[in-house]
C-alpha atoms as a PDB file:
ATOM      1  CA  UNK A   1       0.029   0.015  -0.033  1.00  0.00           C
ATOM      2  CA  UNK A   2       1.861   3.134  -1.189  1.00  0.00           C
ATOM      3  CA  UNK A   3      -0.376   5.613   0.477  1.00  0.00           C
ATOM      4  CA  UNK A   4      -2.454   5.120   3.579  1.00  0.00           C
ATOM      5  CA  UNK A   5      -5.799   6.679   3.674  1.00  0.00           C
ATOM      6  CA  UNK A   6      -7.919   7.591   6.713  1.00  0.00           C
ATOM      7  CA  UNK A   7     -10.327   4.860   5.726  1.00  0.00           C
ATOM      8  CA  UNK A   8      -7.610   2.178   5.829  1.00  0.00           C
ATOM      9  CA  UNK A   9      -6.326   3.490   9.200  1.00  0.00           C
ATOM     10  CA  UNK A  10      -9.768   3.480  10.717  1.00  0.00           C
ATOM     11  CA  UNK A  11     -10.583  -0.019   9.333  1.00  0.00           C
ATOM     12  CA  UNK A  12      -7.269  -1.404  10.702  1.00  0.00           C
ATOM     13  CA  UNK A  13      -7.907   0.180  14.146  1.00  0.00           C
ATOM     14  CA  UNK A  14     -11.471  -1.248  14.188  1.00  0.00           C
ATOM     15  CA  UNK A  15     -10.273  -4.767  13.374  1.00  0.00           C
ATOM     16  CA  UNK A  16      -7.618  -4.692  16.011  1.00  0.00           C
ATOM     17  CA  UNK A  17     -10.320  -3.724  18.585  1.00  0.00           C
ATOM     18  CA  UNK A  18     -12.570  -6.434  17.324  1.00  0.00           C
ATOM     19  CA  UNK A  19      -9.701  -8.892  17.966  1.00  0.00           C
ATOM     20  CA  UNK A  20      -9.497  -7.878  21.576  1.00  0.00           C
ATOM     21  CA  UNK A  21      -6.636  -5.445  21.342  1.00  0.00           C
ATOM     22  CA  UNK A  22      -6.541  -1.787  22.406  1.00  0.00           C
ATOM     23  CA  UNK A  23      -5.867   0.252  19.298  1.00  0.00           C
ATOM     24  CA  UNK A  24      -4.933   3.992  19.158  1.00  0.00           C
ATOM     25  CA  UNK A  25      -3.946   6.353  16.430  1.00  0.00           C
ATOM     26  CA  UNK A  26      -1.637   9.435  16.647  1.00  0.00           C
ATOM     27  CA  UNK A  27      -0.609  11.582  13.771  1.00  0.00           C
ATOM     28  CA  UNK A  28       2.949  12.084  15.037  1.00  0.00           C
ATOM     29  CA  UNK A  29       5.628  10.211  16.849  1.00  0.00           C
ATOM     30  CA  UNK A  30       5.805  12.934  19.520  1.00  0.00           C
ATOM     31  CA  UNK A  31       2.146  12.382  20.434  1.00  0.00           C
ATOM     32  CA  UNK A  32       2.642   8.584  20.515  1.00  0.00           C
ATOM     33  CA  UNK A  33       5.674   8.895  22.688  1.00  0.00           C
ATOM     34  CA  UNK A  34       3.834  11.159  25.191  1.00  0.00           C
ATOM     35  CA  UNK A  35       1.047   8.547  25.397  1.00  0.00           C
ATOM     36  CA  UNK A  36       3.427   5.644  26.098  1.00  0.00           C
ATOM     37  CA  UNK A  37       5.302   7.567  28.773  1.00  0.00           C
ATOM     38  CA  UNK A  38       2.023   8.582  30.418  1.00  0.00           C
ATOM     39  CA  UNK A  39       1.154   4.864  30.689  1.00  0.00           C
ATOM     40  CA  UNK A  40       4.350   3.742  32.329  1.00  0.00           C
ATOM     41  CA  UNK A  41       4.345   4.478  36.106  1.00  0.00           C
ATOM     42  CA  UNK A  42       7.568   5.399  38.138  1.00  0.00           C
ATOM     43  CA  UNK A  43       9.855   2.516  38.959  1.00  0.00           C
ATOM     44  CA  UNK A  44       8.247   0.158  36.385  1.00  0.00           C
ATOM     45  CA  UNK A  45      10.684  -2.075  34.523  1.00  0.00           C
ATOM     46  CA  UNK A  46      10.634  -1.934  30.776  1.00  0.00           C
ATOM     47  CA  UNK A  47      11.671  -4.473  28.170  1.00  0.00           C
ATOM     48  CA  UNK A  48      12.611  -3.209  24.713  1.00  0.00           C
ATOM     49  CA  UNK A  49      12.274  -5.364  21.647  1.00  0.00           C
ATOM     50  CA  UNK A  50      14.800  -4.982  18.842  1.00  0.00           C
ATOM     51  CA  UNK A  51      13.248  -2.070  16.977  1.00  0.00           C
ATOM     52  CA  UNK A  52      14.309   0.787  14.728  1.00  0.00           C
ATOM     53  CA  UNK A  53      10.903   2.420  15.282  1.00  0.00           C
ATOM     54  CA  UNK A  54      11.361   2.817  19.081  1.00  0.00           C
ATOM     55  CA  UNK A  55      14.738   4.440  18.598  1.00  0.00           C
ATOM     56  CA  UNK A  56      13.444   6.748  15.859  1.00  0.00           C
ATOM     57  CA  UNK A  57      10.722   7.824  18.335  1.00  0.00           C
ATOM     58  CA  UNK A  58      13.310   8.479  21.045  1.00  0.00           C
ATOM     59  CA  UNK A  59      11.611   6.354  23.743  1.00  0.00           C
ATOM     60  CA  UNK A  60      14.720   4.793  25.148  1.00  0.00           C
ATOM     61  CA  UNK A  61      16.404   8.094  26.010  1.00  0.00           C
ATOM     62  CA  UNK A  62      13.249   9.320  27.802  1.00  0.00           C
ATOM     63  CA  UNK A  63      12.847   6.130  29.785  1.00  0.00           C
ATOM     64  CA  UNK A  64      16.481   6.382  30.971  1.00  0.00           C
ATOM     65  CA  UNK A  65      16.109   9.981  31.945  1.00  0.00           C
ATOM     66  CA  UNK A  66      13.071   9.013  34.060  1.00  0.00           C
ATOM     67  CA  UNK A  67      15.141   6.398  35.914  1.00  0.00           C
ATOM     68  CA  UNK A  68      13.379   3.245  34.623  1.00  0.00           C
ATOM     69  CA  UNK A  69      15.302  -0.022  34.607  1.00  0.00           C
ATOM     70  CA  UNK A  70      15.384  -0.816  30.879  1.00  0.00           C
ATOM     71  CA  UNK A  71      16.235  -4.134  29.493  1.00  0.00           C
ATOM     72  CA  UNK A  72      17.665  -3.591  25.952  1.00  0.00           C
ATOM     73  CA  UNK A  73      19.584  -6.319  24.255  1.00  0.00           C
ATOM     74  CA  UNK A  74      20.657  -3.908  21.552  1.00  0.00           C
ATOM     75  CA  UNK A  75      22.615  -1.789  24.053  1.00  0.00           C
ATOM     76  CA  UNK A  76      26.137  -1.183  22.804  1.00  0.00           C
ATOM     77  CA  UNK A  77      28.997  -3.011  24.437  1.00  0.00           C
ATOM     78  CA  UNK A  78      27.053  -6.062  25.653  1.00  0.00           C
ATOM     79  CA  UNK A  79      28.645  -9.529  25.374  1.00  0.00           C
ATOM     80  CA  UNK A  80      26.645 -12.349  23.810  1.00  0.00           C
ATOM     81  CA  UNK A  81      25.842 -13.670  27.312  1.00  0.00           C
ATOM     82  CA  UNK A  82      24.697 -10.212  28.467  1.00  0.00           C
ATOM     83  CA  UNK A  83      22.435  -9.860  25.380  1.00  0.00           C
ATOM     84  CA  UNK A  84      20.901 -13.239  26.154  1.00  0.00           C
ATOM     85  CA  UNK A  85      20.301 -12.205  29.778  1.00  0.00           C
ATOM     86  CA  UNK A  86      18.700  -8.968  28.709  1.00  0.00           C
ATOM     87  CA  UNK A  87      16.305 -10.937  26.489  1.00  0.00           C
ATOM     88  CA  UNK A  88      15.409 -13.091  29.433  1.00  0.00           C
ATOM     89  CA  UNK A  89      14.756 -10.080  31.583  1.00  0.00           C
ATOM     90  CA  UNK A  90      12.524  -8.568  28.962  1.00  0.00           C
ATOM     91  CA  UNK A  91      10.048 -11.462  29.490  1.00  0.00           C
ATOM     92  CA  UNK A  92       9.713 -10.547  33.182  1.00  0.00           C
ATOM     93  CA  UNK A  93       9.437  -6.818  32.853  1.00  0.00           C
ATOM     94  CA  UNK A  94       6.387  -4.826  33.859  1.00  0.00           C
ATOM     95  CA  UNK A  95       6.043  -3.465  30.296  1.00  0.00           C
ATOM     96  CA  UNK A  96       7.336  -4.615  26.925  1.00  0.00           C
ATOM     97  CA  UNK A  97       7.673  -2.055  24.088  1.00  0.00           C
ATOM     98  CA  UNK A  98       8.266  -3.122  20.528  1.00  0.00           C
ATOM     99  CA  UNK A  99       7.098  -2.606  16.999  1.00  0.00           C
ATOM    100  CA  UNK A 100       5.820  -5.136  14.402  1.00  0.00           C
ATOM    101  CA  UNK A 101       7.113  -6.206  11.050  1.00  0.00           C
ATOM    102  CA  UNK A 102       3.698  -5.951   9.418  1.00  0.00           C
ATOM    103  CA  UNK A 103       0.064  -5.159  10.393  1.00  0.00           C
ATOM    104  CA  UNK A 104      -2.681  -6.481   8.251  1.00  0.00           C
ATOM    105  CA  UNK A 105      -5.790  -4.529   7.342  1.00  0.00           C
ATOM    106  CA  UNK A 106      -7.896  -7.172   9.075  1.00  0.00           C
ATOM    107  CA  UNK A 107      -6.015  -6.649  12.385  1.00  0.00           C
ATOM    108  CA  UNK A 108      -3.177  -9.295  12.546  1.00  0.00           C
ATOM    109  CA  UNK A 109       0.393  -8.698  13.715  1.00  0.00           C
ATOM    110  CA  UNK A 110       3.053 -10.525  11.650  1.00  0.00           C
ATOM    111  CA  UNK A 111       6.610 -10.904  12.931  1.00  0.00           C
ATOM    112  CA  UNK A 112       9.728 -12.807  11.944  1.00  0.00           C
ATOM    113  CA  UNK A 113      12.511 -13.288  14.494  1.00  0.00           C
ATOM    114  CA  UNK A 114      15.927 -14.942  14.589  1.00  0.00           C
ATOM    115  CA  UNK A 115      16.103 -15.761  18.303  1.00  0.00           C
ATOM    116  CA  UNK A 116      12.529 -15.336  19.502  1.00  0.00           C
ATOM    117  CA  UNK A 117      12.993 -13.099  22.447  1.00  0.00           C
ATOM    118  CA  UNK A 118      10.882 -10.336  20.860  1.00  0.00           C
ATOM    119  CA  UNK A 119       7.916 -12.453  19.863  1.00  0.00           C
ATOM    120  CA  UNK A 120       8.005 -14.431  23.083  1.00  0.00           C
ATOM    121  CA  UNK A 121       7.734 -11.263  25.083  1.00  0.00           C
ATOM    122  CA  UNK A 122       4.838 -10.039  22.902  1.00  0.00           C
ATOM    123  CA  UNK A 123       2.895 -13.221  23.480  1.00  0.00           C
ATOM    124  CA  UNK A 124       3.664 -14.626  26.933  1.00  0.00           C
ATOM    125  CA  UNK A 125       5.773 -12.376  29.104  1.00  0.00           C
ATOM    126  CA  UNK A 126       5.124  -8.904  30.494  1.00  0.00           C
ATOM    127  CA  UNK A 127       1.503  -8.318  31.430  1.00  0.00           C
ATOM    128  CA  UNK A 128       1.420  -5.076  29.388  1.00  0.00           C
ATOM    129  CA  UNK A 129       2.703  -4.981  25.822  1.00  0.00           C
ATOM    130  CA  UNK A 130       2.668  -1.803  23.703  1.00  0.00           C
ATOM    131  CA  UNK A 131       3.333  -2.163  19.991  1.00  0.00           C
ATOM    132  CA  UNK A 132       4.205   1.057  18.147  1.00  0.00           C
ATOM    133  CA  UNK A 133       4.128   1.102  14.388  1.00  0.00           C
ATOM    134  CA  UNK A 134       4.113   3.536  11.467  1.00  0.00           C
ATOM    135  CA  UNK A 135       1.324   3.342   8.974  1.00  0.00           C
ATOM    136  CA  UNK A 136       3.884   2.251   6.381  1.00  0.00           C
ATOM    137  CA  UNK A 137       3.642  -1.235   7.831  1.00  0.00           C
ATOM    138  CA  UNK A 138      -0.027  -1.711   7.105  1.00  0.00           C
ATOM    139  CA  UNK A 139      -0.531  -4.432   4.516  1.00  0.00           C
ATOM    140  CA  UNK A 140      -3.522  -5.906   2.788  1.00  0.00           C
ATOM    141  CA  UNK A 141      -3.323  -9.472   4.130  1.00  0.00           C
ATOM    142  CA  UNK A 142      -0.967 -12.144   5.510  1.00  0.00           C
ATOM    143  CA  UNK A 143       0.447 -12.964   2.146  1.00  0.00           C
ATOM    144  CA  UNK A 144       1.444  -9.323   1.550  1.00  0.00           C
ATOM    145  CA  UNK A 145       2.732  -9.075   5.064  1.00  0.00           C
ATOM    146  CA  UNK A 146       5.057 -12.079   4.682  1.00  0.00           C
ATOM    147  CA  UNK A 147       6.219 -10.804   1.323  1.00  0.00           C
ATOM    148  CA  UNK A 148       7.022  -7.411   2.850  1.00  0.00           C
ATOM    149  CA  UNK A 149       9.151  -9.047   5.554  1.00  0.00           C
ATOM    150  CA  UNK A 150      11.080 -11.289   3.188  1.00  0.00           C
ATOM    151  CA  UNK A 151      11.663  -8.645   0.526  1.00  0.00           C
ATOM    152  CA  UNK A 152      12.021  -5.446   2.582  1.00  0.00           C
ATOM    153  CA  UNK A 153      12.396  -5.875   6.372  1.00  0.00           C
ATOM    154  CA  UNK A 154      14.776  -8.887   6.691  1.00  0.00           C
ATOM    155  CA  UNK A 155      17.269  -7.842   3.960  1.00  0.00           C
ATOM    156  CA  UNK A 156      17.591  -4.275   5.374  1.00  0.00           C
ATOM    157  CA  UNK A 157      18.017  -5.639   8.837  1.00  0.00           C
ATOM    158  CA  UNK A 158      20.735  -7.997   7.648  1.00  0.00           C
ATOM    159  CA  UNK A 159      22.456  -5.167   5.832  1.00  0.00           C
ATOM    160  CA  UNK A 160      22.256  -2.980   8.957  1.00  0.00           C
ATOM    161  CA  UNK A 161      23.827  -5.741  11.082  1.00  0.00           C
ATOM    162  CA  UNK A 162      26.456  -6.484   8.405  1.00  0.00           C
ATOM    163  CA  UNK A 163      25.347 -10.132   8.397  1.00  0.00           C
ATOM    164  CA  UNK A 164      26.981 -12.456   5.845  1.00  0.00           C
ATOM    165  CA  UNK A 165      23.773 -13.334   4.061  1.00  0.00           C
ATOM    166  CA  UNK A 166      22.936 -13.046   0.346  1.00  0.00           C
ATOM    167  CA  UNK A 167      20.126 -10.579   0.976  1.00  0.00           C
ATOM    168  CA  UNK A 168      22.515  -8.215   2.809  1.00  0.00           C
ATOM    169  CA  UNK A 169      24.296  -7.855  -0.552  1.00  0.00           C
ATOM    170  CA  UNK A 170      21.487  -7.307  -3.011  1.00  0.00           C
ATOM    171  CA  UNK A 171      18.429  -6.788  -0.721  1.00  0.00           C
ATOM    172  CA  UNK A 172      16.703  -9.746  -2.327  1.00  0.00           C
ATOM    173  CA  UNK A 173      15.406 -12.786  -0.381  1.00  0.00           C
ATOM    174  CA  UNK A 174      17.140 -15.997  -1.421  1.00  0.00           C
ATOM    175  CA  UNK A 175      15.536 -18.265   1.183  1.00  0.00           C
ATOM    176  CA  UNK A 176      19.090 -19.049   2.093  1.00  0.00           C
ATOM    177  CA  UNK A 177      20.649 -21.579   4.394  1.00  0.00           C
ATOM    178  CA  UNK A 178      23.200 -19.022   5.713  1.00  0.00           C
ATOM    179  CA  UNK A 179      24.241 -19.366   9.363  1.00  0.00           C
ATOM    180  CA  UNK A 180      23.435 -15.675   9.666  1.00  0.00           C
ATOM    181  CA  UNK A 181      19.877 -16.041   8.391  1.00  0.00           C
ATOM    182  CA  UNK A 182      17.459 -13.865  10.459  1.00  0.00           C
ATOM    183  CA  UNK A 183      14.157 -15.499   9.163  1.00  0.00           C
ATOM    184  CA  UNK A 184      13.793 -18.327  11.628  1.00  0.00           C
ATOM    185  CA  UNK A 185      10.645 -17.848  13.648  1.00  0.00           C
ATOM    186  CA  UNK A 186       7.358 -16.597  12.220  1.00  0.00           C
ATOM    187  CA  UNK A 187       4.417 -15.541  14.465  1.00  0.00           C
ATOM    188  CA  UNK A 188       0.963 -14.254  13.658  1.00  0.00           C
ATOM    189  CA  UNK A 189      -1.053 -12.646  16.452  1.00  0.00           C
ATOM    190  CA  UNK A 190      -4.633 -13.115  15.303  1.00  0.00           C
ATOM    191  CA  UNK A 191      -6.284 -12.200  18.600  1.00  0.00           C
ATOM    192  CA  UNK A 192      -5.131 -10.744  21.914  1.00  0.00           C
ATOM    193  CA  UNK A 193      -3.310 -13.425  23.837  1.00  0.00           C
ATOM    194  CA  UNK A 194      -4.842 -14.589  27.170  1.00  0.00           C
ATOM    195  CA  UNK A 195      -3.396 -12.783  30.192  1.00  0.00           C
ATOM    196  CA  UNK A 196      -1.611 -10.101  28.110  1.00  0.00           C
ATOM    197  CA  UNK A 197      -2.827  -6.483  27.735  1.00  0.00           C
ATOM    198  CA  UNK A 198      -1.873  -5.766  24.126  1.00  0.00           C
ATOM    199  CA  UNK A 199      -2.031  -2.156  22.871  1.00  0.00           C
ATOM    200  CA  UNK A 200      -1.227  -1.217  19.295  1.00  0.00           C
ATOM    201  CA  UNK A 201      -0.368   2.384  18.637  1.00  0.00           C
ATOM    202  CA  UNK A 202      -0.507   3.321  14.991  1.00  0.00           C
ATOM    203  CA  UNK A 203       1.418   6.416  14.035  1.00  0.00           C
ATOM    204  CA  UNK A 204       0.773   8.506  10.947  1.00  0.00           C
ATOM    205  CA  UNK A 205       4.410   8.537   9.892  1.00  0.00           C
ATOM    206  CA  UNK A 206       6.809   6.234   8.055  1.00  0.00           C
ATOM    207  CA  UNK A 207       8.865   4.511  10.803  1.00  0.00           C
ATOM    208  CA  UNK A 208      11.263   1.624  10.868  1.00  0.00           C
ATOM    209  CA  UNK A 209      11.820  -0.855   8.063  1.00  0.00           C
END
């Protein structure tokens, strides 16, 4: 979907709500950030999923300034063991903040992980999960969403990480057998998981991959 109309946004929000999720729309990242910070009480612990979107919004800096304990496995300087431990701690945080790889018009969240710490925390971990996503990630259906991830999201992530995968070179999915392949775990959230408060905040900007 090249351009996202108000009708598409409203339909997506309505379908997310129909599936038991809280769904909100803000026209700017600043408004969305204000809403998230308003929802997180003092001293709450916060897990952060691997997300370009959250960093573009500037949420991590604000959480740190407010004194929250933040579990971020992307933090610079961490060893492999420390990254793994951060991923474990994300699952036990009070809040988990992340984005999604694709959001279907009929209200489904599609994600592809390499390790699974992000999707695990979205599904069965912190009691409150907030997913922030730009309208650029809205897709028509599951097929288009998976296609978006294979052809746009995963190759750009591999390139950003400097992974030794074919798609990092030409930004084309080869369905490779590379040891550095990121496409290993695919999840589709069709309805709100039991025991998890899942909020989707849709932002009227192009954010993330």
